[in-house]
């Protein structure tokens, strides 16, 4: 019974609501004093819990003779409650998407301090990708190709992420640092322009990506750790450095997809 009480908590029921509901399920139609005794909840509180459960459509009442009886609805009703919660959550998500740009603009207004987040492993990489897909504008990137592609944590979900970015028709530029690959060995990605740099001249174990007001820096030498910085000023500064490096790399092998 204790396990069921905890499970019902997932539907938003309090511990006492769950106890009253389960007691009513076992008893069938019963007066409040019987439900109170079975649930081990005092009578006054049982009335309050019954009112709450009735408001959720999980209990009902009727009068027989001079007595009022209370009864739990079928457990099937919990499915309806779950569907309602799902719809309400979807509506809230839709409303959040509508106001998110305005909220984000306010949070990152001029003078606001940068927001910094640390994420690790495959789940961290997934979070970063979802974040970058929701941003706007060109993507620029410094990437140590062999390290980035040999990491299982970074490889997981990378193909789908690339497809999502391509579907958005996002313009991207990348400075690829590699030890011995030729330009033809680098996979072609829609709307991506790359320039290749020799690792012996430009050794790096970090990947840096910038889009909009967001910077992501991956450390790859040991564990995969991502540092995500949200700051328009810092993003603009890195974008300037990237453009300088991009121009300086004009003589190196390049390809535009």
Protein backbone atom coordinates (compact mmCIF):
# COMPACT_ATOMS: atom_id res chain seq x y z
CA UNK A 1 0.00 0.00 0.00
CA UNK A 2 2.85 2.37 0.83
CA UNK A 3 4.29 1.80 -2.65
CA UNK A 4 0.94 2.70 -4.23
CA UNK A 5 0.77 5.89 -2.19
CA UNK A 6 4.17 6.92 -3.60
CA UNK A 7 3.15 6.00 -7.16
CA UNK A 8 -0.01 8.10 -6.90
CA UNK A 9 2.20 11.00 -5.91
CA UNK A 10 3.41 11.01 -9.53
CA UNK A 11 -0.13 12.05 -10.52
CA UNK A 12 0.05 15.04 -8.19
CA UNK A 13 -1.81 13.46 -5.25
CA UNK A 14 -0.61 14.25 -1.75
CA UNK A 15 0.08 11.41 0.67
CA UNK A 16 -3.25 11.90 2.49
CA UNK A 17 -5.17 12.24 -0.79
CA UNK A 18 -3.63 8.96 -1.92
CA UNK A 19 -4.52 7.22 1.36
CA UNK A 20 -8.14 8.39 1.15
CA UNK A 21 -8.43 7.43 -2.52
CA UNK A 22 -7.01 3.93 -1.94
CA UNK A 23 -9.21 3.38 1.12
CA UNK A 24 -12.26 4.35 -0.91
CA UNK A 25 -11.24 2.02 -3.75
CA UNK A 26 -11.11 -0.90 -1.31
CA UNK A 27 -14.32 -0.06 0.55
CA UNK A 28 -16.52 0.91 -2.34
CA UNK A 29 -19.34 3.39 -1.53
CA UNK A 30 -18.93 4.27 2.14
CA UNK A 31 -19.63 7.08 4.64
CA UNK A 32 -16.79 9.40 5.53
CA UNK A 33 -16.16 7.83 8.94
CA UNK A 34 -15.42 4.44 7.37
CA UNK A 35 -13.07 5.97 4.81
CA UNK A 36 -11.37 7.98 7.55
CA UNK A 37 -10.83 4.85 9.65
CA UNK A 38 -9.54 2.81 6.71
CA UNK A 39 -7.21 5.57 5.49
CA UNK A 40 -5.95 6.35 9.01
CA UNK A 41 -6.64 10.05 8.38
CA UNK A 42 -8.70 12.10 10.84
CA UNK A 43 -12.30 12.76 9.82
CA UNK A 44 -11.98 16.52 9.27
CA UNK A 45 -8.95 16.07 7.02
CA UNK A 46 -10.69 13.22 5.17
CA UNK A 47 -13.50 15.61 4.22
CA UNK A 48 -10.93 18.04 2.82
CA UNK A 49 -9.15 15.26 0.89
CA UNK A 50 -12.45 13.99 -0.53
CA UNK A 51 -13.35 17.49 -1.74
CA UNK A 52 -9.97 17.75 -3.44
CA UNK A 53 -10.33 14.32 -5.07
CA UNK A 54 -13.84 15.16 -6.23
CA UNK A 55 -12.43 18.31 -7.82
CA UNK A 56 -10.03 16.09 -9.78
CA UNK A 57 -12.87 13.80 -10.82
CA UNK A 58 -11.44 10.88 -8.81
CA UNK A 59 -14.30 10.59 -6.31
CA UNK A 60 -18.03 11.28 -6.24
CA UNK A 61 -20.82 11.28 -3.64
CA UNK A 62 -24.49 10.38 -3.40
CA UNK A 63 -27.19 10.23 -0.72
CA UNK A 64 -28.79 6.94 0.28
CA UNK A 65 -31.58 7.30 2.80
CA UNK A 66 -30.36 9.94 5.20
CA UNK A 67 -26.66 9.17 4.77
CA UNK A 68 -24.12 10.57 2.33
CA UNK A 69 -21.81 8.05 0.75
CA UNK A 70 -18.54 8.64 -1.07
CA UNK A 71 -17.01 6.44 -3.75
CA UNK A 72 -13.84 6.41 -5.81
CA UNK A 73 -14.16 6.53 -9.56
CA UNK A 74 -12.63 3.73 -11.61
CA UNK A 75 -8.79 3.77 -11.79
CA UNK A 76 -9.36 4.37 -15.51
CA UNK A 77 -10.07 7.95 -14.48
CA UNK A 78 -6.36 8.32 -13.67
CA UNK A 79 -5.64 7.90 -17.38
CA UNK A 80 -7.87 10.87 -18.07
CA UNK A 81 -6.10 12.87 -15.37
CA UNK A 82 -2.75 12.03 -16.94
CA UNK A 83 -3.97 13.03 -20.41
CA UNK A 84 -5.24 16.32 -18.99
CA UNK A 85 -1.91 16.99 -17.29
CA UNK A 86 -0.13 16.23 -20.56
CA UNK A 87 -2.31 18.69 -22.47
CA UNK A 88 -1.81 21.35 -19.81
CA UNK A 89 1.98 20.82 -19.96
CA UNK A 90 1.96 21.08 -23.75
CA UNK A 91 -0.03 24.31 -23.54
CA UNK A 92 2.43 25.71 -21.01
CA UNK A 93 5.35 24.76 -23.26
CA UNK A 94 3.68 26.51 -26.20
CA UNK A 95 3.12 29.64 -24.13
CA UNK A 96 6.73 29.56 -22.93
CA UNK A 97 8.01 29.33 -26.52
CA UNK A 98 5.98 32.45 -27.37
CA UNK A 99 7.43 34.57 -24.58
CA UNK A 100 10.90 32.97 -24.37
CA UNK A 101 12.59 35.38 -26.83
CA UNK A 102 11.35 38.38 -24.83
CA UNK A 103 12.41 36.82 -21.52
CA UNK A 104 15.80 35.91 -22.96
CA UNK A 105 16.22 39.44 -24.29
CA UNK A 106 15.49 40.90 -20.89
CA UNK A 107 17.84 38.48 -19.12
CA UNK A 108 20.72 39.18 -21.49
CA UNK A 109 20.16 42.92 -21.65
CA UNK A 110 23.17 45.19 -21.86
CA UNK A 111 25.02 45.25 -18.55
CA UNK A 112 23.78 41.82 -17.41
CA UNK A 113 26.51 39.50 -16.23
CA UNK A 114 27.25 36.45 -18.43
CA UNK A 115 25.44 33.22 -17.64
CA UNK A 116 27.83 30.29 -17.29
CA UNK A 117 26.87 26.61 -17.23
CA UNK A 118 28.97 23.46 -16.89
CA UNK A 119 27.78 20.22 -18.50
CA UNK A 120 29.40 16.81 -18.74
CA UNK A 121 29.22 13.68 -20.88
CA UNK A 122 26.69 12.60 -23.49
CA UNK A 123 23.73 14.21 -21.72
CA UNK A 124 25.62 17.48 -21.51
CA UNK A 125 26.36 17.33 -25.25
CA UNK A 126 22.69 16.63 -25.95
CA UNK A 127 21.63 19.64 -23.89
CA UNK A 128 24.09 21.90 -25.71
CA UNK A 129 22.88 20.74 -29.14
CA UNK A 130 19.25 21.33 -28.26
CA UNK A 131 20.20 24.80 -27.05
CA UNK A 132 22.07 25.67 -30.27
CA UNK A 133 19.21 24.44 -32.45
CA UNK A 134 16.90 26.98 -30.81
CA UNK A 135 19.26 29.90 -31.39
CA UNK A 136 19.39 32.03 -34.52
CA UNK A 137 22.14 33.12 -36.89
CA UNK A 138 25.32 31.71 -38.34
CA UNK A 139 27.30 29.00 -36.54
CA UNK A 140 31.07 29.39 -36.35
CA UNK A 141 33.39 26.77 -34.93
CA UNK A 142 36.99 25.83 -34.17
CA UNK A 143 37.20 22.02 -34.06
CA UNK A 144 39.99 19.43 -33.56
CA UNK A 145 38.51 16.90 -36.00
CA UNK A 146 40.08 13.64 -34.82
CA UNK A 147 39.36 14.31 -31.15
CA UNK A 148 35.78 15.40 -31.79
CA UNK A 149 34.93 12.40 -33.98
CA UNK A 150 36.66 9.80 -31.81
CA UNK A 151 34.68 10.69 -28.68
CA UNK A 152 31.71 8.35 -28.14
CA UNK A 153 30.04 10.96 -25.93
CA UNK A 154 30.20 13.62 -28.64
CA UNK A 155 29.38 11.20 -31.47
CA UNK A 156 26.11 10.10 -29.84
CA UNK A 157 23.33 12.08 -31.47
CA UNK A 158 25.73 14.11 -33.63
CA UNK A 159 24.34 12.82 -36.94
CA UNK A 160 20.76 13.76 -36.04
CA UNK A 161 21.94 17.15 -34.78
CA UNK A 162 23.69 17.78 -38.11
CA UNK A 163 20.49 16.88 -39.98
CA UNK A 164 18.45 19.23 -37.79
CA UNK A 165 20.85 22.11 -38.44
CA UNK A 166 20.85 21.34 -42.17
CA UNK A 167 17.04 21.30 -42.17
CA UNK A 168 17.07 24.81 -40.71
CA UNK A 169 19.31 25.97 -43.61
CA UNK A 170 21.77 27.41 -41.11
CA UNK A 171 24.92 28.92 -42.61
CA UNK A 172 28.01 27.55 -40.85
CA UNK A 173 31.75 28.05 -41.02
CA UNK A 174 34.37 25.86 -39.36
CA UNK A 175 38.12 25.94 -38.95
CA UNK A 176 39.01 22.24 -38.83
CA UNK A 177 42.27 21.24 -37.15
CA UNK A 178 43.49 17.83 -38.36
CA UNK A 179 46.67 15.75 -38.34
CA UNK A 180 46.61 13.95 -41.66
CA UNK A 181 43.20 14.10 -43.35
CA UNK A 182 42.63 15.63 -46.75
CA UNK A 183 39.70 17.93 -47.48
CA UNK A 184 37.86 15.13 -49.30
CA UNK A 185 37.90 12.94 -46.18
CA UNK A 186 35.89 15.46 -44.16
CA UNK A 187 32.14 14.64 -44.40
CA UNK A 188 30.15 17.18 -46.42
CA UNK A 189 27.42 19.06 -44.54
CA UNK A 190 24.81 21.30 -46.15
CA UNK A 191 25.57 25.04 -45.95
CA UNK A 192 28.91 24.42 -44.22
CA UNK A 193 32.14 26.05 -45.38
CA UNK A 194 35.36 24.66 -43.93
CA UNK A 195 39.04 25.57 -43.94
CA UNK A 196 41.57 23.00 -42.79
CA UNK A 197 44.48 23.80 -40.50
CA UNK A 198 47.44 21.46 -39.80
CA UNK A 199 47.50 20.28 -36.20
CA UNK A 200 51.30 20.49 -36.00
CA UNK A 201 51.04 24.25 -36.46
CA UNK A 202 47.78 24.82 -34.55
CA UNK A 203 47.56 22.16 -31.82
CA UNK A 204 44.34 22.26 -29.77
CA UNK A 205 42.31 19.87 -27.64
CA UNK A 206 39.30 22.15 -27.33
CA UNK A 207 36.30 22.82 -29.56
CA UNK A 208 34.66 26.26 -29.57
CA UNK A 209 31.28 26.99 -31.14
CA UNK A 210 29.50 30.35 -31.29
CA UNK A 211 25.94 31.12 -32.35
CA UNK A 212 23.91 34.19 -31.49
CA UNK A 213 24.79 35.24 -27.95
CA UNK A 214 25.99 31.78 -26.88
CA UNK A 215 29.45 30.23 -26.73
CA UNK A 216 30.15 26.54 -26.10
CA UNK A 217 33.65 25.33 -25.29
CA UNK A 218 34.34 21.59 -25.12
CA UNK A 219 37.39 20.25 -23.32
CA UNK A 220 38.22 16.88 -24.92
CA UNK A 221 41.59 15.66 -23.70
CA UNK A 222 40.23 13.64 -20.77
CA UNK A 223 36.53 13.72 -19.83
CA UNK A 224 34.12 15.63 -22.04
CA UNK A 225 33.26 18.86 -20.26
CA UNK A 226 31.26 21.67 -21.84
CA UNK A 227 31.30 25.26 -20.65
CA UNK A 228 28.39 27.27 -22.05
CA UNK A 229 28.55 31.07 -21.79
CA UNK A 230 25.61 33.29 -22.64
CA UNK A 231 26.86 36.80 -23.29
CA UNK A 232 26.38 38.93 -26.39
CA UNK A 233 29.58 40.88 -25.70
CA UNK A 234 31.77 37.78 -25.30
CA UNK A 235 30.14 36.08 -28.30
CA UNK A 236 30.84 39.15 -30.43
CA UNK A 237 34.47 39.18 -29.23
CA UNK A 238 35.01 35.53 -30.17
CA UNK A 239 33.25 36.11 -33.49
CA UNK A 240 35.77 38.87 -34.24
CA UNK A 241 38.70 36.57 -33.44
CA UNK A 242 37.19 33.82 -35.58
CA UNK A 243 36.79 36.19 -38.54
CA UNK A 244 40.42 37.24 -38.22
CA UNK A 245 41.52 33.60 -38.13
CA UNK A 246 39.18 32.76 -41.02
CA UNK A 247 40.70 35.46 -43.19
CA UNK A 248 44.23 34.38 -42.28
CA UNK A 249 43.38 30.79 -43.29
CA UNK A 250 42.49 31.71 -46.88
CA UNK A 251 45.57 29.90 -48.20
CA UNK A 252 44.69 26.58 -46.55
CA UNK A 253 42.51 23.86 -48.14
CA UNK A 254 38.84 24.85 -48.10
CA UNK A 255 35.43 23.62 -49.25
CA UNK A 256 31.96 25.09 -49.37
CA UNK A 257 28.99 22.67 -49.38
